[in-house]
Amino acid sequence: MIRGLDFFPLHDSFALDDWWDEAGPSVNQWNVVVDWVYGLEYAYWQWPSRPIEEMCARPVEETRLAVVPESGGVAVLYRYHYIRLETDLIWIY
Protein backbone atom coordinates (compact mmCIF):
# COMPACT_ATOMS: atom_id res chain seq x y z
CA MET A 1 0.00 0.00 0.00
CA ILE A 2 1.16 3.51 -0.74
CA ARG A 3 1.88 5.45 2.41
CA GLY A 4 -0.90 7.85 3.25
CA LEU A 5 -3.38 6.33 0.79
CA ASP A 6 -6.48 5.13 2.54
CA PHE A 7 -9.09 5.23 -0.22
CA PHE A 8 -9.57 2.57 -2.91
CA PRO A 9 -12.27 3.80 -5.33
CA LEU A 10 -15.03 1.42 -6.33
CA HIS A 11 -14.54 1.63 -10.08
CA ASP A 12 -17.29 -0.70 -11.32
CA SER A 13 -20.44 -1.24 -9.29
CA PHE A 14 -22.83 -2.45 -12.01
CA ALA A 15 -23.08 -5.82 -10.25
CA LEU A 16 -25.09 -4.09 -7.49
CA ASP A 17 -27.71 -2.97 -10.00
CA ASP A 18 -27.77 -6.40 -11.62
CA TRP A 19 -28.27 -8.06 -8.23
CA TRP A 20 -31.10 -5.65 -7.39
CA ASP A 21 -32.83 -6.40 -10.70
CA GLU A 22 -32.35 -10.17 -10.55
CA ALA A 23 -32.66 -11.04 -6.86
CA GLY A 24 -35.05 -8.36 -5.66
CA PRO A 25 -33.56 -8.20 -2.14
CA SER A 26 -35.41 -6.70 0.79
CA VAL A 27 -34.55 -3.11 1.66
CA ASN A 28 -32.71 -4.31 4.78
CA GLN A 29 -30.69 -6.88 2.80
CA TRP A 30 -29.90 -4.26 0.15
CA ASN A 31 -28.67 -1.80 2.80
CA VAL A 32 -26.45 -4.40 4.48
CA VAL A 33 -24.84 -5.44 1.19
CA VAL A 34 -24.43 -1.89 -0.13
CA ASP A 35 -22.80 -0.77 3.13
CA TRP A 36 -20.39 -3.70 2.99
CA VAL A 37 -19.58 -3.15 -0.70
CA TYR A 38 -18.90 0.54 -0.23
CA GLY A 39 -16.66 -0.36 2.69
CA LEU A 40 -14.34 -1.85 0.06
CA GLU A 41 -13.37 1.71 -0.83
CA TYR A 42 -11.55 1.92 2.50
CA ALA A 43 -10.38 -1.67 2.91
CA TYR A 44 -10.51 -3.93 -0.16
CA TRP A 45 -9.30 -6.77 2.09
CA GLN A 46 -12.16 -6.36 4.59
CA TRP A 47 -13.43 -9.31 6.56
CA PRO A 48 -14.70 -11.88 5.75
CA SER A 49 -13.29 -11.75 2.20
CA ARG A 50 -10.64 -14.22 1.14
CA PRO A 51 -8.47 -14.24 -1.99
CA ILE A 52 -9.22 -16.91 -4.58
CA GLU A 53 -5.65 -17.86 -5.38
CA GLU A 54 -6.36 -19.52 -8.73
CA MET A 55 -8.02 -16.30 -9.94
CA CYS A 56 -5.33 -13.90 -8.66
CA ALA A 57 -2.75 -12.38 -10.97
CA ARG A 58 -0.40 -10.81 -8.47
CA PRO A 59 1.25 -8.34 -8.52
CA VAL A 60 -1.35 -6.83 -10.89
CA GLU A 61 -4.67 -7.83 -9.32
CA GLU A 62 -6.30 -9.94 -6.63
CA THR A 63 -9.74 -11.58 -6.85
CA ARG A 64 -11.61 -12.02 -3.57
CA LEU A 65 -14.85 -13.64 -2.42
CA ALA A 66 -16.94 -12.84 0.66
CA VAL A 67 -20.27 -13.84 2.10
CA VAL A 68 -21.49 -10.56 3.54
CA PRO A 69 -22.25 -10.79 7.28
CA GLU A 70 -25.92 -10.43 8.25
CA SER A 71 -26.98 -10.48 4.58
CA GLY A 72 -28.75 -13.82 4.49
CA GLY A 73 -25.92 -15.48 2.57
CA VAL A 74 -25.24 -12.93 -0.17
CA ALA A 75 -21.84 -13.54 -1.79
CA VAL A 76 -19.72 -10.85 -3.43
CA LEU A 77 -16.93 -11.61 -5.90
CA TYR A 78 -14.65 -8.69 -6.70
CA ARG A 79 -11.24 -7.80 -8.06
CA TYR A 80 -8.75 -5.31 -6.66
CA HIS A 81 -6.25 -3.75 -9.09
CA TYR A 82 -2.96 -3.02 -7.36
CA ILE A 83 -1.68 -0.73 -10.11
CA ARG A 84 -4.87 1.34 -10.58
CA LEU A 85 -5.75 1.14 -6.87
CA GLU A 86 -9.37 0.41 -7.80
CA THR A 87 -11.94 -2.26 -6.97
CA ASP A 88 -14.32 -3.81 -9.52
CA LEU A 89 -17.34 -5.88 -8.56
CA ILE A 90 -17.61 -9.03 -10.65
CA TRP A 91 -20.90 -10.42 -9.34
CA ILE A 92 -23.20 -10.51 -6.37
CA TYR A 93 -25.31 -13.59 -5.73
PDB file of N, CA and C in Angstrom:
ATOM      1  N   MET A   1       0.834  -1.174   0.000  1.00  0.00           N
ATOM      2  CA  MET A   1       0.000   0.000   0.000  1.00  0.00           C
ATOM      3  C   MET A   1       0.883   1.242   0.000  1.00  0.00           C
ATOM      4  N   ILE A   2       0.420   2.253  -0.684  1.00  0.00           N
ATOM      5  CA  ILE A   2       1.162   3.508  -0.741  1.00  0.00           C
ATOM      6  C   ILE A   2       0.925   4.278   0.549  1.00  0.00           C
ATOM      7  N   ARG A   3       1.985   4.738   1.130  1.00  0.00           N
ATOM      8  CA  ARG A   3       1.879   5.446   2.414  1.00  0.00           C
ATOM      9  C   ARG A   3       0.951   6.657   2.295  1.00  0.00           C
ATOM     10  N   GLY A   4       0.026   6.743   3.230  1.00  0.00           N
ATOM     11  CA  GLY A   4      -0.903   7.855   3.250  1.00  0.00           C
ATOM     12  C   GLY A   4      -2.164   7.637   2.426  1.00  0.00           C
ATOM     13  N   LEU A   5      -2.201   6.593   1.614  1.00  0.00           N
ATOM     14  CA  LEU A   5      -3.380   6.332   0.794  1.00  0.00           C
ATOM     15  C   LEU A   5      -4.331   5.447   1.579  1.00  0.00           C
ATOM     16  N   ASP A   6      -5.540   5.926   1.792  1.00  0.00           N
ATOM     17  CA  ASP A   6      -6.483   5.127   2.542  1.00  0.00           C
ATOM     18  C   ASP A   6      -7.846   5.077   1.856  1.00  0.00           C
ATOM     19  N   PHE A   7      -7.851   5.257   0.529  1.00  0.00           N
ATOM     20  CA  PHE A   7      -9.093   5.225  -0.222  1.00  0.00           C
ATOM     21  C   PHE A   7      -8.862   4.445  -1.506  1.00  0.00           C
ATOM     22  N   PHE A   8      -9.691   3.427  -1.744  1.00  0.00           N
ATOM     23  CA  PHE A   8      -9.567   2.566  -2.913  1.00  0.00           C
ATOM     24  C   PHE A   8     -10.879   2.651  -3.689  1.00  0.00           C
ATOM     25  N   PRO A   9     -10.990   3.545  -4.669  1.00  0.00           N
ATOM     26  CA  PRO A   9     -12.267   3.797  -5.329  1.00  0.00           C
ATOM     27  C   PRO A   9     -12.925   2.537  -5.885  1.00  0.00           C
ATOM     28  N   LEU A  10     -14.240   2.491  -5.737  1.00  0.00           N
ATOM     29  CA  LEU A  10     -15.026   1.424  -6.333  1.00  0.00           C
ATOM     30  C   LEU A  10     -15.274   1.837  -7.767  1.00  0.00           C
ATOM     31  N   HIS A  11     -14.537   1.233  -8.682  1.00  0.00           N
ATOM     32  CA  HIS A  11     -14.539   1.632 -10.079  1.00  0.00           C
ATOM     33  C   HIS A  11     -15.769   1.140 -10.814  1.00  0.00           C
ATOM     34  N   ASP A  12     -16.167  -0.099 -10.594  1.00  0.00           N
ATOM     35  CA  ASP A  12     -17.289  -0.696 -11.322  1.00  0.00           C
ATOM     36  C   ASP A  12     -18.255  -1.299 -10.320  1.00  0.00           C
ATOM     37  N   SER A  13     -19.450  -0.741 -10.240  1.00  0.00           N
ATOM     38  CA  SER A  13     -20.442  -1.240  -9.288  1.00  0.00           C
ATOM     39  C   SER A  13     -21.716  -1.730  -9.974  1.00  0.00           C
ATOM     40  N   PHE A  14     -21.653  -2.006 -11.271  1.00  0.00           N
ATOM     41  CA  PHE A  14     -22.831  -2.454 -12.012  1.00  0.00           C
ATOM     42  C   PHE A  14     -23.416  -3.747 -11.449  1.00  0.00           C
ATOM     43  N   ALA A  15     -22.591  -4.557 -10.815  1.00  0.00           N
ATOM     44  CA  ALA A  15     -23.080  -5.816 -10.248  1.00  0.00           C
ATOM     45  C   ALA A  15     -24.136  -5.561  -9.173  1.00  0.00           C
ATOM     46  N   LEU A  16     -24.057  -4.429  -8.478  1.00  0.00           N
ATOM     47  CA  LEU A  16     -25.088  -4.086  -7.489  1.00  0.00           C
ATOM     48  C   LEU A  16     -26.438  -3.903  -8.168  1.00  0.00           C
ATOM     49  N   ASP A  17     -26.463  -3.176  -9.265  1.00  0.00           N
ATOM     50  CA  ASP A  17     -27.707  -2.966 -10.005  1.00  0.00           C
ATOM     51  C   ASP A  17     -28.253  -4.278 -10.558  1.00  0.00           C
ATOM     52  N   ASP A  18     -27.353  -5.103 -11.089  1.00  0.00           N
ATOM     53  CA  ASP A  18     -27.768  -6.403 -11.622  1.00  0.00           C
ATOM     54  C   ASP A  18     -28.381  -7.266 -10.523  1.00  0.00           C
ATOM     55  N   TRP A  19     -27.757  -7.267  -9.353  1.00  0.00           N
ATOM     56  CA  TRP A  19     -28.269  -8.061  -8.232  1.00  0.00           C
ATOM     57  C   TRP A  19     -29.642  -7.560  -7.813  1.00  0.00           C
ATOM     58  N   TRP A  20     -29.808  -6.242  -7.745  1.00  0.00           N
ATOM     59  CA  TRP A  20     -31.103  -5.653  -7.391  1.00  0.00           C
ATOM     60  C   TRP A  20     -32.181  -6.114  -8.379  1.00  0.00           C
ATOM     61  N   ASP A  21     -31.867  -6.032  -9.666  1.00  0.00           N
ATOM     62  CA  ASP A  21     -32.834  -6.405 -10.703  1.00  0.00           C
ATOM     63  C   ASP A  21     -33.169  -7.894 -10.680  1.00  0.00           C
ATOM     64  N   GLU A  22     -32.156  -8.725 -10.459  1.00  0.00           N
ATOM     65  CA  GLU A  22     -32.351 -10.173 -10.553  1.00  0.00           C
ATOM     66  C   GLU A  22     -32.851 -10.801  -9.252  1.00  0.00           C
ATOM     67  N   ALA A  23     -32.332 -10.380  -8.130  1.00  0.00           N
ATOM     68  CA  ALA A  23     -32.660 -11.041  -6.857  1.00  0.00           C
ATOM     69  C   ALA A  23     -33.812 -10.363  -6.120  1.00  0.00           C
ATOM     70  N   GLY A  24     -34.005  -9.082  -6.365  1.00  0.00           N
ATOM     71  CA  GLY A  24     -35.053  -8.358  -5.662  1.00  0.00           C
ATOM     72  C   GLY A  24     -34.924  -8.459  -4.152  1.00  0.00           C
ATOM     73  N   PRO A  25     -33.764  -8.077  -3.590  1.00  0.00           N
ATOM     74  CA  PRO A  25     -33.555  -8.204  -2.143  1.00  0.00           C
ATOM     75  C   PRO A  25     -34.481  -7.279  -1.358  1.00  0.00           C
ATOM     76  N   SER A  26     -34.667  -7.605  -0.096  1.00  0.00           N
ATOM     77  CA  SER A  26     -35.413  -6.702   0.788  1.00  0.00           C
ATOM     78  C   SER A  26     -34.599  -5.428   0.973  1.00  0.00           C
ATOM     79  N   VAL A  27     -35.247  -4.380   1.426  1.00  0.00           N
ATOM     80  CA  VAL A  27     -34.551  -3.113   1.662  1.00  0.00           C
ATOM     81  C   VAL A  27     -33.445  -3.306   2.695  1.00  0.00           C
ATOM     82  N   ASN A  28     -33.716  -4.062   3.753  1.00  0.00           N
ATOM     83  CA  ASN A  28     -32.706  -4.314   4.776  1.00  0.00           C
ATOM     84  C   ASN A  28     -31.512  -5.058   4.183  1.00  0.00           C
ATOM     85  N   GLN A  29     -31.773  -6.109   3.411  1.00  0.00           N
ATOM     86  CA  GLN A  29     -30.694  -6.884   2.798  1.00  0.00           C
ATOM     87  C   GLN A  29     -29.886  -5.998   1.852  1.00  0.00           C
ATOM     88  N   TRP A  30     -30.566  -5.183   1.063  1.00  0.00           N
ATOM     89  CA  TRP A  30     -29.898  -4.256   0.151  1.00  0.00           C
ATOM     90  C   TRP A  30     -28.974  -3.320   0.926  1.00  0.00           C
ATOM     91  N   ASN A  31     -29.478  -2.734   2.015  1.00  0.00           N
ATOM     92  CA  ASN A  31     -28.674  -1.797   2.800  1.00  0.00           C
ATOM     93  C   ASN A  31     -27.442  -2.457   3.397  1.00  0.00           C
ATOM     94  N   VAL A  32     -27.581  -3.674   3.898  1.00  0.00           N
ATOM     95  CA  VAL A  32     -26.448  -4.398   4.483  1.00  0.00           C
ATOM     96  C   VAL A  32     -25.381  -4.647   3.419  1.00  0.00           C
ATOM     97  N   VAL A  33     -25.799  -5.125   2.259  1.00  0.00           N
ATOM     98  CA  VAL A  33     -24.837  -5.443   1.193  1.00  0.00           C
ATOM     99  C   VAL A  33     -24.193  -4.176   0.641  1.00  0.00           C
ATOM    100  N   VAL A  34     -24.985  -3.142   0.396  1.00  0.00           N
ATOM    101  CA  VAL A  34     -24.427  -1.887  -0.127  1.00  0.00           C
ATOM    102  C   VAL A  34     -23.424  -1.292   0.854  1.00  0.00           C
ATOM    103  N   ASP A  35     -23.748  -1.285   2.134  1.00  0.00           N
ATOM    104  CA  ASP A  35     -22.802  -0.768   3.129  1.00  0.00           C
ATOM    105  C   ASP A  35     -21.500  -1.552   3.108  1.00  0.00           C
ATOM    106  N   TRP A  36     -21.596  -2.876   3.011  1.00  0.00           N
ATOM    107  CA  TRP A  36     -20.385  -3.703   2.986  1.00  0.00           C
ATOM    108  C   TRP A  36     -19.583  -3.420   1.722  1.00  0.00           C
ATOM    109  N   VAL A  37     -20.268  -3.391   0.580  1.00  0.00           N
ATOM    110  CA  VAL A  37     -19.576  -3.153  -0.697  1.00  0.00           C
ATOM    111  C   VAL A  37     -18.879  -1.801  -0.689  1.00  0.00           C
ATOM    112  N   TYR A  38     -19.544  -0.758  -0.233  1.00  0.00           N
ATOM    113  CA  TYR A  38     -18.896   0.544  -0.230  1.00  0.00           C
ATOM    114  C   TYR A  38     -17.794   0.644   0.820  1.00  0.00           C
ATOM    115  N   GLY A  39     -17.778  -0.259   1.771  1.00  0.00           N
ATOM    116  CA  GLY A  39     -16.655  -0.356   2.694  1.00  0.00           C
ATOM    117  C   GLY A  39     -15.379  -0.803   2.010  1.00  0.00           C
ATOM    118  N   LEU A  40     -15.519  -1.430   0.822  1.00  0.00           N
ATOM    119  CA  LEU A  40     -14.340  -1.848   0.057  1.00  0.00           C
ATOM    120  C   LEU A  40     -13.505  -0.647  -0.376  1.00  0.00           C
ATOM    121  N   GLU A  41     -14.125   0.520  -0.446  1.00  0.00           N
ATOM    122  CA  GLU A  41     -13.372   1.710  -0.831  1.00  0.00           C
ATOM    123  C   GLU A  41     -12.328   2.093   0.219  1.00  0.00           C
ATOM    124  N   TYR A  42     -12.494   1.598   1.423  1.00  0.00           N
ATOM    125  CA  TYR A  42     -11.551   1.925   2.501  1.00  0.00           C
ATOM    126  C   TYR A  42     -10.690   0.738   2.898  1.00  0.00           C
ATOM    127  N   ALA A  43     -11.146  -0.470   2.559  1.00  0.00           N
ATOM    128  CA  ALA A  43     -10.377  -1.673   2.911  1.00  0.00           C
ATOM    129  C   ALA A  43     -10.789  -2.803   1.971  1.00  0.00           C
ATOM    130  N   TYR A  44     -10.136  -2.897   0.807  1.00  0.00           N
ATOM    131  CA  TYR A  44     -10.507  -3.928  -0.161  1.00  0.00           C
ATOM    132  C   TYR A  44     -10.340  -5.335   0.418  1.00  0.00           C
ATOM    133  N   TRP A  45      -9.571  -5.470   1.473  1.00  0.00           N
ATOM    134  CA  TRP A  45      -9.299  -6.768   2.093  1.00  0.00           C
ATOM    135  C   TRP A  45     -10.269  -7.061   3.239  1.00  0.00           C
ATOM    136  N   GLN A  46     -11.330  -6.269   3.392  1.00  0.00           N
ATOM    137  CA  GLN A  46     -12.163  -6.358   4.585  1.00  0.00           C
ATOM    138  C   GLN A  46     -12.745  -7.754   4.821  1.00  0.00           C
ATOM    139  N   TRP A  47     -12.893  -8.046   6.098  1.00  0.00           N
ATOM    140  CA  TRP A  47     -13.433  -9.308   6.562  1.00  0.00           C
ATOM    141  C   TRP A  47     -14.874  -9.418   6.113  1.00  0.00           C
ATOM    142  N   PRO A  48     -15.328 -10.568   5.734  1.00  0.00           N
ATOM    143  CA  PRO A  48     -14.696 -11.880   5.745  1.00  0.00           C
ATOM    144  C   PRO A  48     -14.168 -12.308   4.379  1.00  0.00           C
ATOM    145  N   SER A  49     -13.754 -11.382   3.551  1.00  0.00           N
ATOM    146  CA  SER A  49     -13.290 -11.754   2.204  1.00  0.00           C
ATOM    147  C   SER A  49     -11.987 -12.536   2.264  1.00  0.00           C
ATOM    148  N   ARG A  50     -11.848 -13.395   1.283  1.00  0.00           N
ATOM    149  CA  ARG A  50     -10.642 -14.218   1.144  1.00  0.00           C
ATOM    150  C   ARG A  50     -10.215 -14.210  -0.318  1.00  0.00           C
ATOM    151  N   PRO A  51      -8.911 -14.170  -0.595  1.00  0.00           N
ATOM    152  CA  PRO A  51      -8.475 -14.239  -1.991  1.00  0.00           C
ATOM    153  C   PRO A  51      -8.759 -15.623  -2.575  1.00  0.00           C
ATOM    154  N   ILE A  52      -9.078 -15.651  -3.842  1.00  0.00           N
ATOM    155  CA  ILE A  52      -9.220 -16.906  -4.582  1.00  0.00           C
ATOM    156  C   ILE A  52      -7.931 -17.037  -5.384  1.00  0.00           C
ATOM    157  N   GLU A  53      -7.013 -17.809  -4.841  1.00  0.00           N
ATOM    158  CA  GLU A  53      -5.648 -17.857  -5.377  1.00  0.00           C
ATOM    159  C   GLU A  53      -5.589 -18.187  -6.866  1.00  0.00           C
ATOM    160  N   GLU A  54      -6.424 -19.136  -7.319  1.00  0.00           N
ATOM    161  CA  GLU A  54      -6.364 -19.520  -8.735  1.00  0.00           C
ATOM    162  C   GLU A  54      -6.893 -18.434  -9.669  1.00  0.00           C
ATOM    163  N   MET A  55      -7.518 -17.401  -9.128  1.00  0.00           N
ATOM    164  CA  MET A  55      -8.018 -16.295  -9.939  1.00  0.00           C
ATOM    165  C   MET A  55      -7.197 -15.018  -9.744  1.00  0.00           C
ATOM    166  N   CYS A  56      -6.171 -15.072  -8.917  1.00  0.00           N
ATOM    167  CA  CYS A  56      -5.331 -13.904  -8.657  1.00  0.00           C
ATOM    168  C   CYS A  56      -4.205 -13.824  -9.677  1.00  0.00           C
ATOM    169  N   ALA A  57      -3.860 -12.620 -10.054  1.00  0.00           N
ATOM    170  CA  ALA A  57      -2.749 -12.382 -10.971  1.00  0.00           C
ATOM    171  C   ALA A  57      -1.821 -11.361 -10.331  1.00  0.00           C
ATOM    172  N   ARG A  58      -1.283 -11.723  -9.173  1.00  0.00           N
ATOM    173  CA  ARG A  58      -0.396 -10.808  -8.466  1.00  0.00           C
ATOM    174  C   ARG A  58       0.891 -10.651  -9.271  1.00  0.00           C
ATOM    175  N   PRO A  59       1.480  -9.535  -9.315  1.00  0.00           N
ATOM    176  CA  PRO A  59       1.254  -8.336  -8.515  1.00  0.00           C
ATOM    177  C   PRO A  59       0.280  -7.342  -9.160  1.00  0.00           C
ATOM    178  N   VAL A  60      -0.459  -7.751 -10.189  1.00  0.00           N
ATOM    179  CA  VAL A  60      -1.348  -6.831 -10.889  1.00  0.00           C
ATOM    180  C   VAL A  60      -2.712  -6.721 -10.222  1.00  0.00           C
ATOM    181  N   GLU A  61      -3.328  -7.865  -9.895  1.00  0.00           N
ATOM    182  CA  GLU A  61      -4.665  -7.834  -9.322  1.00  0.00           C
ATOM    183  C   GLU A  61      -4.909  -9.022  -8.402  1.00  0.00           C
ATOM    184  N   GLU A  62      -5.920  -8.889  -7.568  1.00  0.00           N
ATOM    185  CA  GLU A  62      -6.300  -9.942  -6.633  1.00  0.00           C
ATOM    186  C   GLU A  62      -7.822 -10.078  -6.671  1.00  0.00           C
ATOM    187  N   THR A  63      -8.302 -11.306  -6.835  1.00  0.00           N
ATOM    188  CA  THR A  63      -9.737 -11.576  -6.845  1.00  0.00           C
ATOM    189  C   THR A  63     -10.110 -12.161  -5.496  1.00  0.00           C
ATOM    190  N   ARG A  64     -11.194 -11.622  -4.914  1.00  0.00           N
ATOM    191  CA  ARG A  64     -11.612 -12.018  -3.571  1.00  0.00           C
ATOM    192  C   ARG A  64     -13.092 -12.366  -3.560  1.00  0.00           C
ATOM    193  N   LEU A  65     -13.469 -13.218  -2.604  1.00  0.00           N
ATOM    194  CA  LEU A  65     -14.848 -13.640  -2.421  1.00  0.00           C
ATOM    195  C   LEU A  65     -15.217 -13.471  -0.959  1.00  0.00           C
ATOM    196  N   ALA A  66     -16.451 -12.995  -0.717  1.00  0.00           N
ATOM    197  CA  ALA A  66     -16.936 -12.845   0.658  1.00  0.00           C
ATOM    198  C   ALA A  66     -18.423 -13.137   0.697  1.00  0.00           C
ATOM    199  N   VAL A  67     -18.850 -13.774   1.772  1.00  0.00           N
ATOM    200  CA  VAL A  67     -20.272 -13.843   2.098  1.00  0.00           C
ATOM    201  C   VAL A  67     -20.494 -12.735   3.117  1.00  0.00           C
ATOM    202  N   VAL A  68     -21.309 -11.763   2.733  1.00  0.00           N
ATOM    203  CA  VAL A  68     -21.491 -10.563   3.540  1.00  0.00           C
ATOM    204  C   VAL A  68     -22.204 -10.900   4.848  1.00  0.00           C
ATOM    205  N   PRO A  69     -21.617 -10.529   5.983  1.00  0.00           N
ATOM    206  CA  PRO A  69     -22.245 -10.792   7.280  1.00  0.00           C
ATOM    207  C   PRO A  69     -23.637 -10.161   7.376  1.00  0.00           C
ATOM    208  N   GLU A  70     -24.550 -10.895   7.998  1.00  0.00           N
ATOM    209  CA  GLU A  70     -25.920 -10.427   8.251  1.00  0.00           C
ATOM    210  C   GLU A  70     -26.691 -10.105   6.985  1.00  0.00           C
ATOM    211  N   SER A  71     -26.323 -10.752   5.854  1.00  0.00           N
ATOM    212  CA  SER A  71     -26.981 -10.480   4.576  1.00  0.00           C
ATOM    213  C   SER A  71     -27.900 -11.613   4.137  1.00  0.00           C
ATOM    214  N   GLY A  72     -27.959 -12.679   4.919  1.00  0.00           N
ATOM    215  CA  GLY A  72     -28.750 -13.823   4.494  1.00  0.00           C
ATOM    216  C   GLY A  72     -28.033 -14.686   3.470  1.00  0.00           C
ATOM    217  N   GLY A  73     -26.704 -14.619   3.452  1.00  0.00           N
ATOM    218  CA  GLY A  73     -25.916 -15.484   2.572  1.00  0.00           C
ATOM    219  C   GLY A  73     -25.531 -14.881   1.232  1.00  0.00           C
ATOM    220  N   VAL A  74     -25.602 -13.578   1.087  1.00  0.00           N
ATOM    221  CA  VAL A  74     -25.236 -12.935  -0.172  1.00  0.00           C
ATOM    222  C   VAL A  74     -23.715 -12.961  -0.337  1.00  0.00           C
ATOM    223  N   ALA A  75     -23.275 -13.457  -1.501  1.00  0.00           N
ATOM    224  CA  ALA A  75     -21.844 -13.543  -1.794  1.00  0.00           C
ATOM    225  C   ALA A  75     -21.446 -12.443  -2.770  1.00  0.00           C
ATOM    226  N   VAL A  76     -20.251 -11.906  -2.565  1.00  0.00           N
ATOM    227  CA  VAL A  76     -19.719 -10.849  -3.426  1.00  0.00           C
ATOM    228  C   VAL A  76     -18.355 -11.309  -3.944  1.00  0.00           C
ATOM    229  N   LEU A  77     -18.207 -11.306  -5.263  1.00  0.00           N
ATOM    230  CA  LEU A  77     -16.935 -11.609  -5.902  1.00  0.00           C
ATOM    231  C   LEU A  77     -16.431 -10.305  -6.508  1.00  0.00           C
ATOM    232  N   TYR A  78     -15.192  -9.962  -6.200  1.00  0.00           N
ATOM    233  CA  TYR A  78     -14.653  -8.695  -6.701  1.00  0.00           C
ATOM    234  C   TYR A  78     -13.158  -8.812  -6.940  1.00  0.00           C
ATOM    235  N   ARG A  79     -12.650  -7.823  -7.682  1.00  0.00           N
ATOM    236  CA  ARG A  79     -11.241  -7.799  -8.057  1.00  0.00           C
ATOM    237  C   ARG A  79     -10.645  -6.463  -7.648  1.00  0.00           C
ATOM    238  N   TYR A  80      -9.480  -6.524  -7.007  1.00  0.00           N
ATOM    239  CA  TYR A  80      -8.753  -5.313  -6.659  1.00  0.00           C
ATOM    240  C   TYR A  80      -7.543  -5.192  -7.576  1.00  0.00           C
ATOM    241  N   HIS A  81      -7.379  -4.021  -8.199  1.00  0.00           N
ATOM    242  CA  HIS A  81      -6.251  -3.753  -9.095  1.00  0.00           C
ATOM    243  C   HIS A  81      -5.180  -2.999  -8.327  1.00  0.00           C
ATOM    244  N   TYR A  82      -4.042  -3.642  -8.117  1.00  0.00           N
ATOM    245  CA  TYR A  82      -2.956  -3.022  -7.361  1.00  0.00           C
ATOM    246  C   TYR A  82      -2.383  -1.797  -8.062  1.00  0.00           C
ATOM    247  N   ILE A  83      -2.296  -1.829  -9.375  1.00  0.00           N
ATOM    248  CA  ILE A  83      -1.682  -0.727 -10.106  1.00  0.00           C
ATOM    249  C   ILE A  83      -2.610   0.478 -10.166  1.00  0.00           C
ATOM    250  N   ARG A  84      -3.892   0.236 -10.491  1.00  0.00           N
ATOM    251  CA  ARG A  84      -4.866   1.340 -10.582  1.00  0.00           C
ATOM    252  C   ARG A  84      -5.423   1.749  -9.224  1.00  0.00           C
ATOM    253  N   LEU A  85      -5.217   0.905  -8.213  1.00  0.00           N
ATOM    254  CA  LEU A  85      -5.750   1.143  -6.867  1.00  0.00           C
ATOM    255  C   LEU A  85      -7.268   1.289  -6.899  1.00  0.00           C
ATOM    256  N   GLU A  86      -7.923   0.388  -7.655  1.00  0.00           N
ATOM    257  CA  GLU A  86      -9.372   0.408  -7.801  1.00  0.00           C
ATOM    258  C   GLU A  86      -9.947  -0.986  -7.579  1.00  0.00           C
ATOM    259  N   THR A  87     -11.223  -1.012  -7.190  1.00  0.00           N
ATOM    260  CA  THR A  87     -11.936  -2.255  -6.974  1.00  0.00           C
ATOM    261  C   THR A  87     -13.078  -2.365  -7.971  1.00  0.00           C
ATOM    262  N   ASP A  88     -13.221  -3.526  -8.604  1.00  0.00           N
ATOM    263  CA  ASP A  88     -14.321  -3.808  -9.522  1.00  0.00           C
ATOM    264  C   ASP A  88     -15.149  -4.957  -8.972  1.00  0.00           C
ATOM    265  N   LEU A  89     -16.457  -4.772  -8.915  1.00  0.00           N
ATOM    266  CA  LEU A  89     -17.343  -5.875  -8.555  1.00  0.00           C
ATOM    267  C   LEU A  89     -17.485  -6.774  -9.773  1.00  0.00           C
ATOM    268  N   ILE A  90     -17.424  -8.079  -9.562  1.00  0.00           N
ATOM    269  CA  ILE A  90     -17.609  -9.026 -10.652  1.00  0.00           C
ATOM    270  C   ILE A  90     -19.049  -9.532 -10.643  1.00  0.00           C
ATOM    271  N   TRP A  91     -19.500 -10.024  -9.501  1.00  0.00           N
ATOM    272  CA  TRP A  91     -20.900 -10.423  -9.340  1.00  0.00           C
ATOM    273  C   TRP A  91     -21.290 -10.464  -7.888  1.00  0.00           C
ATOM    274  N   ILE A  92     -22.603 -10.379  -7.693  1.00  0.00           N
ATOM    275  CA  ILE A  92     -23.195 -10.513  -6.370  1.00  0.00           C
ATOM    276  C   ILE A  92     -24.301 -11.537  -6.514  1.00  0.00           C
ATOM    277  N   TYR A  93     -24.316 -12.517  -5.629  1.00  0.00           N
ATOM    278  CA  TYR A  93     -25.307 -13.594  -5.729  1.00  0.00           C
ATOM    279  C   TYR A  93     -25.850 -13.922  -4.365  1.00  0.00           C
TER     280      TYR A  93
END
